[in-house]
Amino acid sequence: MQSGPLYLIGPSGNPNFGDEFIAAAWLKHLAEVRPDADVWLDCPQPGLAQVLFDGLHPRLRVTNTLWRLVHETAEMPLDEAAEVIRARVTRLGSPSYDLGLLKLREAQSLHLIGGGFINENWSHHAGLVVAMRAVHAITGARLIATGQGLMPELTSAPAEMPLFQDFAHAAARDEAGARAYGISQELDDAFLGLTAELARSTAEPGLYVCIQSDTADPERFGTAVELARTAVEKAASEGTNAYYVEAIPGADRVAYEQLADLIPEERFLPFLHIWAHGLPLSGDQTWVTSRFHFHLLAASAGARGMAVGMKKGYYDVKHESLTALGSGWSLALDGDAPGIPENRGSLRDELPALVARKRAEADKIYPPLPDQPTATAPLTAGSLTAGAAKLFNKALAAPRRNKVRPGAL
């Protein structure tokens, strides 16, 4: 196997709390086990990603080479796009791509980090895997995929199946995805950073809400907001404060605007706040959320909650993967309104074993090196260096309202 950079590929930088959390978890892990390695992150928004992940790995570089290729061919039929991507990677000949593609040829491994971004909802993203396989055919670079959310199953490119051929390690985060693609089932990549996040921030007791307006079936948004309103009104009648937590700026503000008569602005927690200071988590919370990674993290802390499905075949699979792990949360799918369970699930008690399982997978991919110096973490309890934290704190001092820009959704 060749030596060279470790090349990560993921949907970072938009920002989206779950996607950013996963990328940060891998960067922190590599800072621990490979502090001297050059690490590249290929993502859609490298500028913001550079700020979000500043200092998490001492040799991090950020680019968007493969994501530009995928976006450039997004309107083509996937089989046609795959041929264009493969030719571009293999034959070069484009001044706007060649330097980045040559850098890819130096990589010892290409790692598709976790998230639910390669499936029939965004079928053009499969071009990322096509590009990875094309690089492997040239250099023999090790191909890795972890924590993949692959449902609904990709049907647009039968010629590219099996999609993860030539991968040294490929894992889905749910049973349905593993079965459909013939790969192993492992845990979501967020489990790699979960223990540290639980220690970052404490939470006031109360009801915590987040309802998305993006990636939702048309009829679901209004229903989801009504479910949240019912829960907030019930909490208020019991003297319990409600908080609203934002995972994607703008997209998660839409529902808050419809609940602002019940949740004051000072209890709106924007993405900037939770990224800089940690997601507020405790076993004394209850939650109503459509966001998968809020479900994962809050249930791991022992919180009770209701997960709201927003898109059939996608979010139901995601949330059901967590109830299968023992989150204990109720699922509001279709027209269901199950309420919040009285008892917490078993996930918190089983967390040490689950985290150890995820760490074992990470160590299999990047085995600890003998006598390897460990990089000093820039902040022992946070995700930001002092400089980046200062910038984020300045932003937090501004009004906390994240308005939706025209066209942002």
Foldseek 3Di string as FASTA:
>chain_A
DADAAEEEEFAPDLDFQVRLLLVLLVLLVCLFFPLPHAYEYAHDHQVRSCLLQPQSHPRYDYHHQQVVLLVVCQPPQQQVSLVVLLCCLQVPDDPVRDVVSVNLLRHQAYEHAEDAQDEQVRPSVLSSLSNRVSSCVVRVRAYYYPAYQYWPHHDRHPVCPLSCPRHPAHEYQFDVVCVVNVHHHAHHSSLSVQVLLLPQAAADFAEEEWEFQPPFDPVQRVLLLVLVLVVLVVCVVVVGAYAYEERRFARRVVSCVVVCVRHPQVRYHYPLRCQLRHDHEALNYEYEYQDLVVLVNRLLRNYWYEHEHGHPRGSVRSNVSVVVLWSNYHYCYDNDNPDIDPGGTCNNVCSVVSSVRSVVVVCVVSPRDPPDDRRDRQDSRHSRHPVSSVVSVVVVVPRPHRHHDVPND
